Protein backbone atom coordinates (compact mmCIF):
# COMPACT_ATOMS: atom_id res chain seq x y z
CA UNK A 1 -0.01 0.05 -0.01
CA UNK A 2 1.42 3.38 -1.01
CA UNK A 3 1.92 5.68 1.99
CA UNK A 4 1.51 8.69 -0.30
CA UNK A 5 -1.94 7.43 -1.20
CA UNK A 6 -2.90 7.20 2.47
CA UNK A 7 -1.54 10.65 3.06
CA UNK A 8 -3.55 12.06 0.15
CA UNK A 9 -6.77 10.52 1.47
CA UNK A 10 -6.17 11.60 5.07
CA UNK A 11 -5.33 15.15 4.10
CA UNK A 12 -8.52 15.29 1.95
CA UNK A 13 -10.63 14.11 4.86
CA UNK A 14 -8.99 16.64 7.22
CA UNK A 15 -9.58 19.39 4.65
CA UNK A 16 -13.27 18.73 4.31
CA UNK A 17 -13.69 18.72 8.10
CA UNK A 18 -11.83 22.04 8.43
CA UNK A 19 -13.95 23.60 5.63
CA UNK A 20 -17.22 22.24 7.07
CA UNK A 21 -16.39 23.50 10.60
CA UNK A 22 -15.47 27.00 9.35
CA UNK A 23 -18.75 27.22 7.48
CA UNK A 24 -20.81 26.08 10.48
CA UNK A 25 -19.19 28.41 13.03
CA UNK A 26 -19.95 31.39 10.69
CA UNK A 27 -23.54 30.36 9.89
CA UNK A 28 -24.38 29.86 13.58
CA UNK A 29 -22.48 32.95 14.82
CA UNK A 30 -19.85 31.21 16.99
CA UNK A 31 -17.03 33.29 15.49
CA UNK A 32 -16.60 36.46 13.51
CA UNK A 33 -16.21 35.78 9.76
CA UNK A 34 -12.57 36.76 9.43
CA UNK A 35 -10.98 34.22 11.91
CA UNK A 36 -13.38 31.56 10.64
CA UNK A 37 -12.30 32.24 7.06
CA UNK A 38 -8.71 31.72 8.11
CA UNK A 39 -9.73 28.12 8.91
CA UNK A 40 -11.64 27.92 5.65
CA UNK A 41 -8.64 28.93 3.58
CA UNK A 42 -6.45 26.64 5.60
CA UNK A 43 -8.79 23.81 4.59
CA UNK A 44 -8.41 24.75 0.95
CA UNK A 45 -4.62 24.78 1.26
CA UNK A 46 -4.73 21.32 2.83
CA UNK A 47 -6.90 20.14 -0.11
CA UNK A 48 -4.36 21.48 -2.58
CA UNK A 49 -1.60 19.65 -0.59
CA UNK A 50 -3.63 16.45 -0.75
CA UNK A 51 -3.71 16.73 -4.54
CA UNK A 52 0.05 17.05 -4.60
CA UNK A 53 0.38 13.88 -2.46
CA UNK A 54 -2.11 12.17 -4.74
CA UNK A 55 -0.13 12.95 -7.85
CA UNK A 56 3.09 11.80 -6.19
CA UNK A 57 1.34 8.60 -5.06
CA UNK A 58 -0.01 8.02 -8.56
CA UNK A 59 3.50 8.29 -9.96
CA UNK A 60 4.84 5.84 -7.34
CA UNK A 61 2.07 3.30 -8.07
CA UNK A 62 2.69 3.60 -11.84
CA UNK A 63 6.43 2.80 -11.28
CA UNK A 64 6.29 -0.02 -8.67
CA UNK A 65 2.73 -1.30 -8.93
CA UNK A 66 1.87 -0.87 -5.25
CA UNK A 67 -1.77 -0.59 -4.10
CA UNK A 68 -3.59 2.58 -3.21
CA UNK A 69 -5.14 3.83 -6.40
CA UNK A 70 -8.65 3.78 -4.82
CA UNK A 71 -7.47 6.06 -1.99
CA UNK A 72 -5.96 8.50 -4.40
CA UNK A 73 -9.18 8.62 -6.54
CA UNK A 74 -11.19 9.16 -3.31
CA UNK A 75 -8.87 11.96 -2.34
CA UNK A 76 -9.18 13.59 -5.79
CA UNK A 77 -12.94 13.37 -5.56
CA UNK A 78 -13.10 15.05 -2.12
CA UNK A 79 -10.53 17.67 -3.11
CA UNK A 80 -12.46 18.50 -6.24
CA UNK A 81 -15.67 18.99 -4.27
CA UNK A 82 -13.87 21.31 -1.82
CA UNK A 83 -12.07 23.37 -4.40
CA UNK A 84 -14.61 23.72 -7.25
CA UNK A 85 -16.74 26.47 -5.80
CA UNK A 86 -13.86 28.52 -4.35
CA UNK A 87 -12.15 28.33 -7.77
CA UNK A 88 -15.35 29.72 -9.34
CA UNK A 89 -15.45 32.52 -6.82
CA UNK A 90 -11.81 33.27 -7.56
CA UNK A 91 -12.68 33.74 -11.22
CA UNK A 92 -15.58 35.98 -10.19
CA UNK A 93 -13.27 38.06 -8.08
CA UNK A 94 -11.01 38.72 -11.07
CA UNK A 95 -13.99 39.69 -13.30
CA UNK A 96 -16.18 41.73 -10.98
CA UNK A 97 -15.52 45.07 -9.29
CA UNK A 98 -14.09 45.13 -5.75
CA UNK A 99 -17.14 46.81 -4.17
CA UNK A 100 -19.40 45.78 -1.33
CA UNK A 101 -22.13 48.45 -1.33
CA UNK A 102 -24.76 48.68 -4.18
CA UNK A 103 -27.70 51.08 -4.36
CA UNK A 104 -30.22 52.46 -6.81
CA UNK A 105 -29.44 55.98 -5.60
CA UNK A 106 -25.70 56.63 -5.16
CA UNK A 107 -26.38 60.41 -4.70
CA UNK A 108 -28.67 59.93 -1.68
CA UNK A 109 -28.59 56.24 -0.77
CA UNK A 110 -31.06 54.78 1.81
CA UNK A 111 -29.53 55.00 5.25
CA UNK A 112 -28.69 52.27 7.67
CA UNK A 113 -30.19 53.43 10.94
CA UNK A 114 -31.08 50.43 13.02
CA UNK A 115 -28.56 48.28 11.11
CA UNK A 116 -25.65 50.68 11.88
CA UNK A 117 -25.68 49.46 15.51
CA UNK A 118 -25.13 45.81 14.24
CA UNK A 119 -21.97 46.69 12.36
CA UNK A 120 -19.67 46.53 15.39
CA UNK A 121 -17.66 43.28 14.84
CA UNK A 122 -13.92 43.39 14.18
CA UNK A 123 -13.24 44.36 10.62
CA UNK A 124 -16.87 45.26 9.92
CA UNK A 125 -17.52 47.72 7.11
CA UNK A 126 -18.82 51.16 8.03
CA UNK A 127 -22.53 52.04 7.63
CA UNK A 128 -21.59 55.10 5.60
CA UNK A 129 -21.96 54.64 1.88
CA UNK A 130 -18.80 53.55 0.13
CA UNK A 131 -18.63 56.74 -2.04
CA UNK A 132 -17.71 57.91 -5.48
CA UNK A 133 -15.45 54.98 -6.46
CA UNK A 134 -18.13 52.48 -5.63
CA UNK A 135 -20.74 54.49 -7.53
CA UNK A 136 -18.54 54.69 -10.63
CA UNK A 137 -17.73 50.97 -10.54
CA UNK A 138 -21.44 50.11 -10.10
CA UNK A 139 -22.43 52.36 -13.02
CA UNK A 140 -19.83 50.65 -15.27
CA UNK A 141 -20.58 47.03 -14.27
CA UNK A 142 -24.28 47.20 -13.40
CA UNK A 143 -25.79 50.06 -15.47
CA UNK A 144 -29.32 48.70 -15.12
CA UNK A 145 -29.52 49.34 -11.38
CA UNK A 146 -31.59 52.54 -11.17
CA UNK A 147 -34.37 54.00 -9.01
CA UNK A 148 -37.73 52.15 -9.35
CA UNK A 149 -40.56 54.30 -10.56
CA UNK A 150 -43.98 52.76 -9.89
CA UNK A 151 -47.42 53.91 -11.06
CA UNK A 152 -49.06 52.97 -7.80
CA UNK A 153 -49.62 54.89 -4.57
CA UNK A 154 -46.90 54.97 -1.96
CA UNK A 155 -48.81 52.85 0.51
CA UNK A 156 -49.26 50.05 -2.01
CA UNK A 157 -45.63 50.29 -3.13
CA UNK A 158 -44.49 49.97 0.54
CA UNK A 159 -46.83 46.98 1.18
CA UNK A 160 -45.59 45.16 -1.99
CA UNK A 161 -41.89 45.78 -1.10
CA UNK A 162 -42.52 44.42 2.42
CA UNK A 163 -44.18 41.33 0.94
CA UNK A 164 -41.12 40.65 -1.23
CA UNK A 165 -38.82 41.13 1.80
CA UNK A 166 -40.89 38.57 3.76
CA UNK A 167 -41.13 36.18 0.84
CA UNK A 168 -37.35 36.13 0.50
CA UNK A 169 -37.06 35.48 4.24
CA UNK A 170 -34.90 38.42 4.93
CA UNK A 171 -34.75 39.25 8.66
CA UNK A 172 -36.57 42.54 9.16
CA UNK A 173 -34.77 44.67 11.73
CA UNK A 174 -36.96 47.77 11.43
CA UNK A 175 -39.89 48.82 9.23
CA UNK A 176 -41.85 52.11 9.19
CA UNK A 177 -44.82 52.49 6.94
CA UNK A 178 -45.38 55.82 5.14
CA UNK A 179 -47.03 58.37 7.51
CA UNK A 180 -48.12 61.96 6.97
CA UNK A 181 -46.84 64.55 6.35
CA UNK A 182 -43.75 63.26 4.47
CA UNK A 183 -45.15 59.73 3.84
CA UNK A 184 -41.75 58.10 3.51
CA UNK A 185 -41.56 54.32 4.20
CA UNK A 186 -38.44 52.48 5.26
CA UNK A 187 -37.52 48.87 5.71
CA UNK A 188 -34.21 47.61 7.12
CA UNK A 189 -33.41 43.92 6.83
CA UNK A 190 -30.60 41.36 6.80
CA UNK A 191 -29.99 38.74 4.09
CA UNK A 192 -27.45 35.93 4.24
CA UNK A 193 -25.20 34.47 1.60
CA UNK A 194 -26.17 30.87 0.57
CA UNK A 195 -23.18 28.82 1.83
CA UNK A 196 -21.26 30.76 4.49
CA UNK A 197 -24.30 32.65 5.72
CA UNK A 198 -22.43 35.94 5.73
CA UNK A 199 -24.77 38.78 6.69
CA UNK A 200 -25.57 41.51 4.12
CA UNK A 201 -27.56 44.54 5.21
CA UNK A 202 -30.46 45.97 3.17
CA UNK A 203 -32.27 49.36 3.40
CA UNK A 204 -35.32 50.13 1.33
CA UNK A 205 -36.86 53.60 1.00
CA UNK A 206 -40.30 54.28 -0.46
CA UNK A 207 -41.31 57.88 -1.22
CA UNK A 208 -44.35 59.48 -2.89
CA UNK A 209 -43.96 60.95 -6.40
CA UNK A 210 -47.22 62.75 -6.96
CA UNK A 211 -49.90 60.04 -7.13
CA UNK A 212 -47.17 57.51 -7.98
CA UNK A 213 -44.16 56.31 -5.94
CA UNK A 214 -40.40 55.80 -6.10
CA UNK A 215 -38.47 52.94 -4.38
CA UNK A 216 -34.75 52.84 -3.68
CA UNK A 217 -32.80 49.93 -2.26
CA UNK A 218 -29.33 49.60 -0.86
CA UNK A 219 -27.55 46.28 -0.21
CA UNK A 220 -24.16 46.20 1.47
CA UNK A 221 -21.90 43.46 2.76
CA UNK A 222 -21.09 43.68 6.46
CA UNK A 223 -17.60 42.29 5.92
CA UNK A 224 -14.89 42.37 3.21
CA UNK A 225 -14.21 44.78 0.40
CA UNK A 226 -15.56 42.65 -2.45
CA UNK A 227 -18.99 41.01 -2.43
CA UNK A 228 -18.34 38.89 -5.56
CA UNK A 229 -21.50 40.36 -7.12
CA UNK A 230 -23.94 39.16 -4.46
CA UNK A 231 -25.38 42.61 -3.62
CA UNK A 232 -25.91 43.57 -7.29
CA UNK A 233 -27.66 40.26 -7.92
CA UNK A 234 -29.93 40.82 -4.91
CA UNK A 235 -30.76 44.38 -5.93
CA UNK A 236 -31.43 43.41 -9.55
CA UNK A 237 -33.74 40.61 -8.52
CA UNK A 238 -35.57 42.84 -6.13
CA UNK A 239 -36.11 45.46 -8.85
CA UNK A 240 -37.46 42.77 -11.21
CA UNK A 241 -39.82 41.29 -8.53
CA UNK A 242 -41.04 44.76 -7.45
CA UNK A 243 -41.80 45.88 -11.03
CA UNK A 244 -43.62 42.62 -11.79
CA UNK A 245 -45.71 42.72 -8.58
CA UNK A 246 -46.52 46.42 -9.07
CA UNK A 247 -47.67 45.93 -12.63
CA UNK A 248 -49.91 43.09 -11.60
CA UNK A 249 -51.34 45.29 -8.75
CA UNK A 250 -52.00 48.17 -11.15
CA UNK A 251 -53.91 45.90 -13.51
CA UNK A 252 -56.25 44.64 -10.82
CA UNK A 253 -59.81 45.76 -11.57
CA UNK A 254 -61.21 48.25 -9.05
CA UNK A 255 -63.97 46.62 -7.01
CA UNK A 256 -67.15 48.63 -7.36
CA UNK A 257 -69.70 48.53 -4.57
CA UNK A 258 -72.94 47.39 -6.13
CA UNK A 259 -75.64 50.05 -6.08
CA UNK A 260 -78.79 48.86 -4.40
CA UNK A 261 -81.83 50.19 -6.25
CA UNK A 262 -84.27 52.16 -4.11
CA UNK A 263 -87.18 50.25 -2.90
CA UNK A 264 -90.46 51.09 -4.57
CA UNK A 265 -93.10 52.49 -2.22
CA UNK A 266 -95.55 49.96 -0.97
CA UNK A 267 -98.72 49.88 -2.89
CA UNK A 268 -101.91 50.64 -1.06
CA UNK A 269 -104.75 48.36 -1.93
CA UNK A 270 -108.06 50.18 -2.12
CA UNK A 271 -110.91 48.31 -0.62
């Protein structure tokens, strides 16, 4: 039995355990993301080392005919499963802008009020909008992200936006329906990335525009300088969903209260 084959398999198993533990501790909030990610990247490095041992073991088996090919193939399978998605994210990192804050209104972005108090962990991004560089990068890479103009009243726009937030299972931290005199509605919520469960903060602002309404959304990662496109994807999907729901709402027929005809006066029978 090739010792290199055994090393390759053992390292692969250790790598998958390290990666799984790092994901779980972030998802369940046992550690801040940055130290947990050190374990995650350590697991990736061990997986890469396992591949090197596997290649060396394959060469040794080819030369002397010793056993262990099954262990090498198992190691390669585990390593491939561990490294495939991070490799894809690495390509995305090279292709996408290094921004973490995306909004439909870079001039006056929706604020983080309640959410600002949650951005206190070590290395957390500030609640202040990222600024001109982020706005320019967003305009270049995501030109379709613009304010949402809806031909429905502000109260309906707010209700539909809140329905979408709840449907997506974003954790609502604060929500204020439009109230006179300014009639500005606000929703603050937290979304999580699919695998690591990293928290990304969302602020939605709904304002009247005559008889119509305007909706702006901001989505920003709580940690790291690059979001690998996650915030832009979330904002784009929200815009599409909101426009679709608002169009459907505008096409609903207005329910008319049936008019009850007046009762005829009772006839008097002459005797």
